[in-house]
Amino acid sequence: MAKSLRSFTCQSCGAVHSKWAGKCESCSAWNSIVEEAPAASSGSPLARIGGGKGRRIEFTGLTGTSAQPSRWTTGIGEFDRVCGGGLVPGSALLIGGDPGIGKSTLLLQAAAALARGGVPCAYISGEEAIDQVRLRAARLGLADAPVQLATATAVRDIVATLESRDGPAVAVIDSIQTMHVDGIDSSPGTVSQVRSSAQALIELAKRRDVTVLLVGHVTKEGAIAGPRVLEHMVDTVLYFEGERGHQFRILRAVKNRFGPTDEIGVFEMSDRGLADVSNPSALFLAERRGSVSGACVFAGIEGTRPLLVEIQALVAPSSFATPRHAVVGWDSGRLAMVLAVLEARCGVVTGPNDVYLNVAGGLRIAEPAADLAVAAALLSSLADEPVPADMAVFGEIGLGGEVRAVSQRDARLKEAAKLGFGSVLAPPAARSASGRNPEGIRVEEIGHLSDLVARFLPGDKPPRREAGGREGRQRPGGPPRRPASED
């Protein structure tokens, strides 16, 4: 009797190994390899399919027109915005986020809004009982919505139900990690089960024009659990973000075949569910106090939307031998770079101090245009001199200390002018910019970081440049250090 072959699959990346190992060679994850029994097979994949030769496919040219896909709008403005204007029939959407962040609440609200608009919707839960879903719907005021509820985890039963004539047009699957295909000998949540379940549901969506919304769990690193190929299979990938200490939630699109990527939607969590935030800039700046040192307003861009947010910095003497750098809402590597440029190019030394940086409101900023605003907040805290309350700042800092132009300058200026800011500190305009500033706002251009240092530390002299290209560093308010050649 032939020995049955078994494979070992990494639960993080889906790589298949011939034997078990403690560390995956593909993704370097530890203790993620699990033994799985492959499906019974014989011969090549085409031989297992059976039948004769395949039919010849037809090609077409790049020129031509195609009808724009119709969309179902939920009425939830921020959700429709992130999806590109609504849900496309026959598409598959994957939404991930931390436990308790509000994924199920958001999708239940979207399904209820579509059902009230006449679109047949079904909510299939593999984690909660029907009574639990009903309790949430009653709390959100959605008990009267004609949403069909069910609890199931067998993909075969779900596909058979959705394929029926009276099947729904929109189906929410909560969650994909609880689904299982009975032909695979592994537990739900493994790479094989997640990949096979998602593939069956996506094929159903394309074949029957059913919009499938999949809820995905995330790992401790914040990525959607399961094989990475899952994000490639679906049409849209959304991440639901937010800090538990804040009521704001950010819905971010990282992939969208029917709309722009890097788009965000802002929600406010309350006891009645998630509410749209149509003007997030005003909300993020609502609790701002303009006379405090270390606070600076950054004019940023999230997707296609300009967004103003407050960046707070605190530079304080350290009581430990090794100073601490703590960052919330920004990249700690870019903070280290800004501090290094301030010291090497401008002579501002923060080495013996603790540095704390926070983006107010729980928002996470990824664009490099925030460099100049972070530097202004650091210098303001170091000099104990507040940034002007009516000033917004944006710009990218290079390693040479130069301030570089950023994209969508006009949109940032218009958003600052709309919220009543009188001045903006920005890099010189690029050639592609229009050169026309909004009325009522003054733009102060800055070309080097040393000009910003002179605003907050006017008594400091610029660092001396030696003949060999070295610069003599100096501490704020103190004499410059002697070069090594004078010792």
Protein backbone atom coordinates (compact mmCIF):
# COMPACT_ATOMS: atom_id res chain seq x y z
CA MET A 1 0.00 0.00 0.00
CA ALA A 2 1.45 3.35 -1.03
CA LYS A 3 2.30 5.76 1.73
CA SER A 4 0.07 8.84 1.82
CA LEU A 5 1.94 12.04 1.09
CA ARG A 6 1.60 14.93 3.53
CA SER A 7 2.68 18.52 3.18
CA PHE A 8 3.63 21.22 5.64
CA THR A 9 2.14 24.65 4.94
CA CYS A 10 3.07 27.99 6.47
CA GLN A 11 0.00 29.69 7.93
CA SER A 12 1.48 33.15 7.38
CA CYS A 13 2.50 33.11 3.71
CA GLY A 14 1.16 29.82 2.36
CA ALA A 15 4.54 28.35 1.40
CA VAL A 16 4.61 24.54 1.19
CA HIS A 17 7.52 22.63 2.76
CA SER A 18 8.50 18.99 2.49
CA LYS A 19 9.10 18.70 6.23
CA TRP A 20 8.32 20.55 9.40
CA ALA A 21 10.58 23.38 10.54
CA GLY A 22 10.39 25.92 13.31
CA LYS A 23 10.97 28.87 10.97
CA CYS A 24 9.50 29.43 7.51
CA GLU A 25 12.21 30.12 4.95
CA SER A 26 9.87 32.23 2.81
CA CYS A 27 8.49 34.77 5.31
CA SER A 28 10.76 34.11 8.35
CA ALA A 29 7.75 33.49 10.60
CA TRP A 30 8.27 31.23 13.63
CA ASN A 31 5.99 28.33 14.60
CA SER A 32 3.69 28.93 11.63
CA ILE A 33 4.19 25.64 9.74
CA VAL A 34 1.35 23.14 10.11
CA GLU A 35 1.04 19.65 8.67
CA GLU A 36 -1.83 19.29 6.20
CA ALA A 37 -3.11 16.37 4.20
CA PRO A 38 -3.32 17.17 0.46
CA ALA A 39 -6.45 16.37 -1.48
CA ALA A 40 -6.42 13.02 -3.26
CA SER A 41 -5.13 13.49 -6.78
CA SER A 42 -3.60 11.53 -9.61
CA GLY A 43 -1.90 12.68 -12.74
CA SER A 44 -1.62 16.24 -14.00
CA PRO A 45 -4.14 18.99 -13.14
CA LEU A 46 -5.62 18.90 -16.66
CA ALA A 47 -6.02 15.14 -16.43
CA ARG A 48 -7.97 15.49 -13.19
CA ILE A 49 -10.32 18.00 -14.82
CA GLY A 50 -11.22 15.53 -17.55
CA GLY A 51 -12.75 16.22 -20.94
CA GLY A 52 -11.07 16.91 -24.25
CA LYS A 53 -9.12 19.84 -25.59
CA GLY A 54 -9.97 23.33 -24.44
CA ARG A 55 -11.67 25.84 -26.69
CA ARG A 56 -9.71 28.60 -28.35
CA ILE A 57 -9.95 31.97 -26.65
CA GLU A 58 -10.60 35.20 -28.57
CA PHE A 59 -8.41 38.28 -28.34
CA THR A 60 -9.41 41.91 -28.70
CA GLY A 61 -7.52 45.18 -29.05
CA LEU A 62 -6.79 47.91 -26.55
CA THR A 63 -9.03 50.40 -28.34
CA GLY A 64 -12.74 50.38 -27.73
CA THR A 65 -15.25 51.43 -25.08
CA SER A 66 -16.81 49.53 -22.23
CA ALA A 67 -19.84 50.43 -20.21
CA GLN A 68 -19.15 51.74 -16.73
CA PRO A 69 -20.16 49.22 -14.05
CA SER A 70 -23.38 49.99 -12.24
CA ARG A 71 -23.09 50.53 -8.51
CA TRP A 72 -25.25 50.10 -5.46
CA THR A 73 -24.90 53.03 -3.08
CA THR A 74 -25.45 52.32 0.59
CA GLY A 75 -26.13 55.91 1.61
CA ILE A 76 -23.19 55.75 4.02
CA GLY A 77 -21.15 58.49 2.37
CA GLU A 78 -17.72 57.57 3.74
CA PHE A 79 -18.16 53.87 2.93
CA ASP A 80 -19.28 54.60 -0.62
CA ARG A 81 -16.40 57.03 -1.05
CA VAL A 82 -13.78 54.46 -0.11
CA CYS A 83 -15.38 51.83 -2.37
CA GLY A 84 -15.15 54.23 -5.33
CA GLY A 85 -18.78 55.37 -5.39
CA GLY A 86 -20.60 52.25 -4.22
CA LEU A 87 -20.57 48.47 -4.49
CA VAL A 88 -20.12 46.92 -7.94
CA PRO A 89 -22.29 43.83 -8.67
CA GLY A 90 -20.20 40.70 -9.02
CA SER A 91 -17.30 42.06 -7.00
CA ALA A 92 -15.58 40.64 -3.92
CA LEU A 93 -14.58 42.98 -1.08
CA LEU A 94 -12.34 42.08 1.87
CA ILE A 95 -12.35 44.19 5.03
CA GLY A 96 -9.88 43.59 7.86
CA GLY A 97 -9.21 45.19 11.21
CA ASP A 98 -8.41 44.59 14.86
CA PRO A 99 -10.94 42.73 17.03
CA GLY A 100 -13.72 45.01 18.24
CA ILE A 101 -12.84 47.86 15.89
CA GLY A 102 -16.30 47.81 14.25
CA LYS A 103 -16.04 45.65 11.11
CA SER A 104 -19.27 43.72 11.76
CA THR A 105 -21.07 46.89 12.80
CA LEU A 106 -20.08 48.71 9.61
CA LEU A 107 -21.11 45.86 7.31
CA LEU A 108 -24.40 45.34 9.16
CA GLN A 109 -25.19 49.03 8.72
CA ALA A 110 -24.27 48.84 5.02
CA ALA A 111 -26.41 45.71 4.49
CA ALA A 112 -29.36 47.31 6.29
CA ALA A 113 -29.09 50.49 4.21
CA LEU A 114 -29.01 48.49 0.96
CA ALA A 115 -31.93 46.30 2.06
CA ARG A 116 -34.03 49.35 2.86
CA GLY A 117 -33.26 50.59 -0.64
CA GLY A 118 -34.69 47.46 -2.23
CA VAL A 119 -31.48 45.42 -2.73
CA PRO A 120 -31.82 41.85 -1.36
CA CYS A 121 -29.11 41.39 1.27
CA ALA A 122 -28.00 38.48 3.42
CA TYR A 123 -25.79 38.48 6.51
CA ILE A 124 -24.15 35.09 7.12
CA SER A 125 -22.29 34.83 10.40
CA GLY A 126 -19.91 32.05 11.33
CA GLU A 127 -18.94 33.55 14.69
CA GLU A 128 -22.18 34.77 16.28
CA ALA A 129 -25.62 33.33 16.81
CA ILE A 130 -28.67 34.90 15.20
CA ASP A 131 -29.81 36.35 18.52
CA GLN A 132 -26.47 38.11 18.95
CA VAL A 133 -26.77 39.73 15.53
CA ARG A 134 -30.35 40.76 16.33
CA LEU A 135 -29.25 42.38 19.56
CA ARG A 136 -26.66 44.45 17.71
CA ALA A 137 -29.21 45.43 15.07
CA ALA A 138 -31.67 46.53 17.76
CA ARG A 139 -28.97 48.63 19.45
CA LEU A 140 -28.14 50.29 16.13
CA GLY A 141 -31.80 50.92 15.28
CA LEU A 142 -31.75 48.50 12.32
CA ALA A 143 -34.23 45.90 13.57
CA ASP A 144 -36.80 46.84 10.91
CA ALA A 145 -34.37 46.43 7.98
CA PRO A 146 -35.29 43.46 5.71
CA VAL A 147 -31.89 41.74 6.01
CA GLN A 148 -31.84 37.94 5.81
CA LEU A 149 -29.84 36.41 8.67
CA ALA A 150 -28.20 33.00 8.84
CA THR A 151 -25.45 31.19 10.71
CA ALA A 152 -23.34 28.81 8.63
CA THR A 153 -19.73 27.81 8.15
CA ALA A 154 -19.97 25.22 5.35
CA VAL A 155 -19.02 26.86 2.06
CA ARG A 156 -20.89 24.20 0.08
CA ASP A 157 -24.19 25.12 1.79
CA ILE A 158 -23.57 28.87 1.41
CA VAL A 159 -22.81 28.58 -2.32
CA ALA A 160 -25.91 26.42 -2.90
CA THR A 161 -28.08 28.98 -1.10
CA LEU A 162 -26.68 32.02 -2.91
CA GLU A 163 -27.02 30.31 -6.29
CA SER A 164 -30.78 29.86 -5.93
CA ARG A 165 -33.18 31.97 -7.96
CA ASP A 166 -34.40 33.94 -4.98
CA GLY A 167 -30.87 34.34 -3.60
CA PRO A 168 -29.62 37.72 -2.35
CA ALA A 169 -27.71 40.22 -4.46
CA VAL A 170 -25.34 41.20 -1.63
CA ALA A 171 -23.92 38.71 0.88
CA VAL A 172 -21.84 39.47 3.97
CA ILE A 173 -19.61 36.61 5.17
CA ASP A 174 -18.45 37.13 8.76
CA SER A 175 -15.76 35.88 8.74
CA ILE A 176 -13.73 34.08 6.08
CA GLN A 177 -11.52 32.46 8.75
CA THR A 178 -14.52 30.51 10.11
CA MET A 179 -15.54 29.03 6.73
CA HIS A 180 -14.52 25.52 5.71
CA VAL A 181 -14.63 23.34 2.61
CA ASP A 182 -15.54 19.75 3.46
CA GLY A 183 -13.14 18.29 0.87
CA ILE A 184 -10.04 19.60 2.65
CA ASP A 185 -8.66 17.77 5.68
CA SER A 186 -7.69 20.74 7.85
CA SER A 187 -9.33 22.94 10.43
CA PRO A 188 -11.01 26.29 9.57
CA GLY A 189 -8.62 29.23 9.50
CA THR A 190 -5.69 27.37 7.98
CA VAL A 191 -4.15 28.53 4.73
CA SER A 192 -5.77 25.78 2.66
CA GLN A 193 -9.25 26.40 4.07
CA VAL A 194 -9.09 30.19 3.77
CA ARG A 195 -7.79 30.04 0.20
CA SER A 196 -10.32 27.41 -0.95
CA SER A 197 -13.27 29.07 0.79
CA ALA A 198 -12.44 32.48 -0.66
CA GLN A 199 -11.94 31.01 -4.13
CA ALA A 200 -15.35 29.31 -4.06
CA LEU A 201 -17.11 32.48 -2.90
CA ILE A 202 -15.31 34.70 -5.42
CA GLU A 203 -16.19 32.32 -8.28
CA LEU A 204 -19.82 32.51 -7.17
CA ALA A 205 -19.66 36.33 -7.15
CA LYS A 206 -18.34 36.45 -10.71
CA ARG A 207 -20.73 33.79 -12.01
CA ARG A 208 -23.99 35.06 -10.42
CA ASP A 209 -23.22 38.82 -10.12
CA VAL A 210 -23.47 38.61 -6.34
CA THR A 211 -21.51 41.17 -4.35
CA VAL A 212 -19.63 39.32 -1.59
CA LEU A 213 -18.30 41.21 1.44
CA LEU A 214 -15.74 39.17 3.38
CA VAL A 215 -14.65 39.97 6.92
CA GLY A 216 -11.01 39.05 7.61
CA HIS A 217 -9.17 38.70 10.89
CA VAL A 218 -5.76 40.34 11.25
CA THR A 219 -2.52 39.11 12.75
CA LYS A 220 -0.62 40.81 15.56
CA GLU A 221 1.41 42.66 12.91
CA GLY A 222 -1.83 44.15 11.50
CA ALA A 223 -1.97 42.18 8.21
CA ILE A 224 -4.99 40.14 7.20
CA ALA A 225 -4.60 36.58 8.48
CA GLY A 226 -4.28 33.79 5.97
CA PRO A 227 -2.34 33.50 2.73
CA ARG A 228 -1.20 36.68 1.04
CA VAL A 229 -2.85 35.47 -2.14
CA LEU A 230 -6.21 36.21 -0.52
CA GLU A 231 -5.69 39.94 -1.05
CA HIS A 232 -4.78 39.31 -4.69
CA MET A 233 -7.93 37.28 -5.32
CA VAL A 234 -10.48 39.88 -4.21
CA ASP A 235 -11.31 43.11 -6.04
CA THR A 236 -11.12 45.48 -3.08
CA VAL A 237 -9.16 45.36 0.18
CA LEU A 238 -10.16 47.69 3.02
CA TYR A 239 -8.51 48.10 6.42
CA PHE A 240 -10.50 49.43 9.37
CA GLU A 241 -8.16 51.31 11.70
CA GLY A 242 -8.44 53.27 14.90
CA GLU A 243 -7.21 53.61 18.46
CA ARG A 244 -9.42 52.16 21.17
CA GLY A 245 -8.98 55.33 23.22
CA HIS A 246 -10.47 57.48 20.43
CA GLN A 247 -13.94 57.48 18.96
CA PHE A 248 -12.66 57.98 15.42
CA ARG A 249 -12.32 55.09 12.95
CA ILE A 250 -10.48 55.22 9.64
CA LEU A 251 -11.55 53.01 6.72
CA ARG A 252 -8.60 52.83 4.32
CA ALA A 253 -8.57 51.32 0.81
CA VAL A 254 -5.27 49.66 -0.09
CA LYS A 255 -6.57 47.96 -3.25
CA ASN A 256 -9.56 48.78 -5.43
CA ARG A 257 -10.11 47.63 -8.99
CA PHE A 258 -13.12 49.93 -9.37
CA GLY A 259 -11.84 53.12 -7.75
CA PRO A 260 -8.87 55.01 -6.33
CA THR A 261 -6.53 53.39 -3.83
CA ASP A 262 -5.23 55.01 -0.63
CA GLU A 263 -8.66 56.59 -0.15
CA ILE A 264 -9.92 56.95 3.41
CA GLY A 265 -13.28 57.32 5.10
CA VAL A 266 -13.64 58.77 8.59
CA PHE A 267 -16.27 57.51 11.03
CA GLU A 268 -17.17 58.35 14.60
CA MET A 269 -18.10 55.47 16.89
CA SER A 270 -21.03 56.03 19.22
CA ASP A 271 -23.65 53.97 21.03
CA ARG A 272 -25.76 54.16 17.86
CA GLY A 273 -23.04 52.73 15.65
CA LEU A 274 -20.71 54.38 13.15
CA ALA A 275 -21.58 57.87 11.91
CA ASP A 276 -20.09 59.63 8.87
CA VAL A 277 -17.65 62.47 9.43
CA SER A 278 -18.06 64.73 6.40
CA ASN A 279 -15.45 67.29 7.52
CA PRO A 280 -12.71 65.35 9.33
CA SER A 281 -10.30 68.30 9.39
CA ALA A 282 -12.62 70.36 11.58
CA LEU A 283 -13.24 67.37 13.84
CA PHE A 284 -9.55 66.55 14.30
CA LEU A 285 -8.83 70.19 15.18
CA ALA A 286 -11.88 70.70 17.41
CA GLU A 287 -9.97 70.25 20.70
CA ARG A 288 -6.86 72.10 19.58
CA ARG A 289 -5.32 74.78 21.79
CA GLY A 290 -3.22 77.14 19.71
CA SER A 291 -1.11 78.68 22.49
CA VAL A 292 0.72 75.49 23.52
CA SER A 293 4.30 74.90 22.47
CA GLY A 294 5.06 71.69 20.63
CA ALA A 295 1.83 71.63 18.61
CA CYS A 296 1.70 72.18 14.85
CA VAL A 297 -1.06 71.75 12.26
CA PHE A 298 -0.10 69.58 9.31
CA ALA A 299 -1.86 70.02 5.95
CA GLY A 300 -1.87 66.48 4.58
CA ILE A 301 -3.47 64.43 1.84
CA GLU A 302 -5.16 61.07 2.42
CA GLY A 303 -6.07 59.55 -0.92
CA THR A 304 -7.83 62.33 -2.80
CA ARG A 305 -8.93 64.19 0.31
CA PRO A 306 -7.00 67.04 1.96
CA LEU A 307 -6.87 66.61 5.72
CA LEU A 308 -5.63 68.92 8.46
CA VAL A 309 -4.45 67.26 11.66
CA GLU A 310 -2.50 68.40 14.70
CA ILE A 311 0.97 66.97 15.38
CA GLN A 312 2.14 67.18 18.99
CA ALA A 313 5.74 66.90 20.17
CA LEU A 314 7.34 66.99 23.58
CA VAL A 315 11.10 67.25 24.16
CA ALA A 316 11.89 66.74 27.85
CA PRO A 317 15.07 65.99 29.83
CA SER A 318 15.64 62.29 30.24
CA SER A 319 16.13 60.65 33.63
CA PHE A 320 17.74 57.55 32.07
CA ALA A 321 21.10 56.93 30.50
CA THR A 322 19.45 56.12 27.17
CA PRO A 323 16.83 58.69 26.10
CA ARG A 324 13.49 57.37 24.96
CA HIS A 325 11.79 58.11 21.62
CA ALA A 326 8.05 57.28 21.57
CA VAL A 327 5.93 57.75 18.44
CA VAL A 328 2.16 57.34 18.00
CA GLY A 329 0.67 57.72 14.53
CA TRP A 330 3.88 58.24 12.55
CA ASP A 331 6.91 56.29 11.41
CA SER A 332 9.57 56.10 14.11
CA GLY A 333 12.25 55.78 11.42
CA ARG A 334 11.33 59.14 9.91
CA LEU A 335 11.41 60.75 13.36
CA ALA A 336 14.96 59.48 13.81
CA MET A 337 15.85 60.90 10.39
CA VAL A 338 14.40 64.35 11.20
CA LEU A 339 16.29 64.44 14.51
CA ALA A 340 19.51 63.44 12.76
CA VAL A 341 19.11 66.16 10.10
CA LEU A 342 18.40 68.77 12.79
CA GLU A 343 21.62 67.83 14.58
CA ALA A 344 23.93 67.27 11.60
CA ARG A 345 22.76 70.14 9.36
CA CYS A 346 21.42 72.71 11.81
CA GLY A 347 23.35 72.08 15.03
CA VAL A 348 20.24 71.36 17.10
CA VAL A 349 21.12 68.57 19.55
CA THR A 350 18.31 66.64 21.24
CA GLY A 351 20.46 63.66 22.27
CA PRO A 352 20.11 63.90 26.09
CA ASN A 353 16.34 64.46 25.89
CA ASP A 354 13.32 62.18 25.63
CA VAL A 355 11.28 62.81 22.49
CA TYR A 356 7.56 62.06 22.31
CA LEU A 357 5.52 62.50 19.12
CA ASN A 358 1.77 62.06 18.74
CA VAL A 359 -0.72 62.54 15.91
CA ALA A 360 -3.89 63.81 17.57
CA GLY A 361 -7.16 62.00 16.93
CA GLY A 362 -5.77 58.50 16.41
CA LEU A 363 -4.93 59.06 12.74
CA ARG A 364 -1.85 57.41 11.25
CA ILE A 365 0.15 59.49 8.76
CA ALA A 366 2.37 57.82 6.18
CA GLU A 367 3.29 60.54 3.68
CA PRO A 368 6.71 62.24 3.89
CA ALA A 369 5.10 65.68 3.58
CA ALA A 370 4.72 65.67 7.36
CA ASP A 371 8.48 66.03 7.91
CA LEU A 372 8.44 69.82 8.12
CA ALA A 373 5.44 69.87 10.48
CA VAL A 374 7.19 67.36 12.77
CA ALA A 375 10.36 69.46 12.75
CA ALA A 376 8.34 72.59 13.60
CA ALA A 377 6.65 70.81 16.51
CA LEU A 378 10.01 69.54 17.83
CA LEU A 379 11.64 72.97 17.62
CA SER A 380 8.60 74.60 19.19
CA SER A 381 8.77 72.24 22.17
CA LEU A 382 12.54 72.61 22.46
CA ALA A 383 12.40 76.41 22.46
CA ASP A 384 9.09 76.56 24.41
CA GLU A 385 7.77 78.86 21.69
CA PRO A 386 4.30 78.12 20.25
CA VAL A 387 3.75 77.84 16.53
CA PRO A 388 1.39 80.62 15.35
CA ALA A 389 -2.18 79.41 15.88
CA ASP A 390 -3.26 80.36 12.35
CA MET A 391 -0.35 78.59 10.59
CA ALA A 392 -0.38 75.24 8.81
CA VAL A 393 2.83 73.48 7.74
CA PHE A 394 3.77 70.87 5.15
CA GLY A 395 6.95 69.85 3.30
CA GLU A 396 9.42 67.00 2.89
CA ILE A 397 12.92 67.21 4.41
CA GLY A 398 15.93 65.78 2.60
CA LEU A 399 19.07 64.45 4.24
CA GLY A 400 20.91 67.61 3.27
CA GLY A 401 18.43 69.73 5.21
CA GLU A 402 16.67 70.99 2.08
CA VAL A 403 12.88 71.29 2.10
CA ARG A 404 11.42 69.65 -0.98
CA ALA A 405 8.14 70.28 -2.75
CA VAL A 406 5.27 67.80 -2.30
CA SER A 407 2.30 66.87 -4.46
CA GLN A 408 -1.15 68.46 -4.43
CA ARG A 409 0.04 71.77 -3.02
CA ASP A 410 -3.07 73.64 -4.20
CA ALA A 411 -5.46 71.23 -2.47
CA ARG A 412 -3.60 71.61 0.82
CA LEU A 413 -3.71 75.40 0.60
CA LYS A 414 -7.44 75.43 -0.20
CA GLU A 415 -8.23 73.21 2.78
CA ALA A 416 -6.21 75.46 5.10
CA ALA A 417 -7.95 78.56 3.77
CA LYS A 418 -11.38 76.92 4.15
CA LEU A 419 -10.74 76.27 7.85
CA GLY A 420 -9.64 79.85 8.51
CA PHE A 421 -5.85 79.56 8.60
CA GLY A 422 -4.10 82.80 7.72
CA SER A 423 -0.65 81.51 6.77
CA VAL A 424 1.01 78.36 5.52
CA LEU A 425 4.67 77.40 5.84
CA ALA A 426 5.53 75.38 2.73
CA PRO A 427 8.44 74.51 0.43
CA PRO A 428 8.95 76.46 -2.81
CA ALA A 429 6.31 75.64 -5.39
CA ALA A 430 7.18 73.06 -8.02
CA ARG A 431 6.95 73.87 -11.72
CA SER A 432 3.73 71.87 -12.03
CA ALA A 433 1.93 73.97 -9.41
CA SER A 434 -0.51 76.65 -10.54
CA GLY A 435 1.25 79.39 -8.56
CA ARG A 436 -2.08 80.94 -7.50
CA ASN A 437 -2.70 80.97 -3.76
CA PRO A 438 -6.22 81.07 -2.27
CA GLU A 439 -7.52 84.45 -1.15
CA GLY A 440 -7.02 85.33 2.49
CA ILE A 441 -4.00 83.10 3.07
CA ARG A 442 -0.31 83.99 3.10
CA VAL A 443 2.22 81.40 1.92
CA GLU A 444 5.70 81.59 3.42
CA GLU A 445 8.15 79.50 1.42
CA ILE A 446 11.08 77.85 3.15
CA GLY A 447 13.98 76.27 1.28
CA HIS A 448 16.19 74.88 4.06
CA LEU A 449 15.60 73.53 7.54
CA SER A 450 18.00 76.08 9.02
CA ASP A 451 15.47 78.81 8.17
CA LEU A 452 12.93 77.04 10.37
CA VAL A 453 15.49 76.72 13.18
CA ALA A 454 16.12 80.48 13.01
CA ARG A 455 12.42 81.09 13.70
CA PHE A 456 12.47 79.30 17.06
CA LEU A 457 16.15 79.56 18.06
CA PRO A 458 17.20 82.97 16.69
CA GLY A 459 20.25 83.25 18.98
CA ASP A 460 21.98 80.22 17.50
CA LYS A 461 24.57 80.59 14.79
CA PRO A 462 24.63 78.23 11.84
CA PRO A 463 27.17 75.39 12.12
CA ARG A 464 30.63 76.07 10.73
CA ARG A 465 31.76 74.09 7.69
CA GLU A 466 35.34 72.91 7.82
CA ALA A 467 37.70 72.64 4.86
CA GLY A 468 37.27 68.85 4.73
CA GLY A 469 33.50 69.15 4.47
CA ARG A 470 32.77 68.57 8.17
CA GLU A 471 30.49 70.82 10.14
CA GLY A 472 31.08 71.95 13.66
CA ARG A 473 27.99 71.11 15.69
CA GLN A 474 26.67 73.37 18.38
CA ARG A 475 24.10 73.01 21.09
CA PRO A 476 21.18 75.46 21.26
CA GLY A 477 22.36 78.52 23.13
CA GLY A 478 25.94 77.24 23.54
CA PRO A 479 29.27 77.64 21.73
CA PRO A 480 30.07 75.38 18.78
CA ARG A 481 32.17 72.32 19.39
CA ARG A 482 35.80 72.46 18.32
CA PRO A 483 36.71 70.39 15.28
CA ALA A 484 38.84 67.31 15.85
CA SER A 485 41.90 68.99 14.28
CA GLU A 486 42.06 71.59 17.14
CA ASP A 487 42.22 68.98 19.93
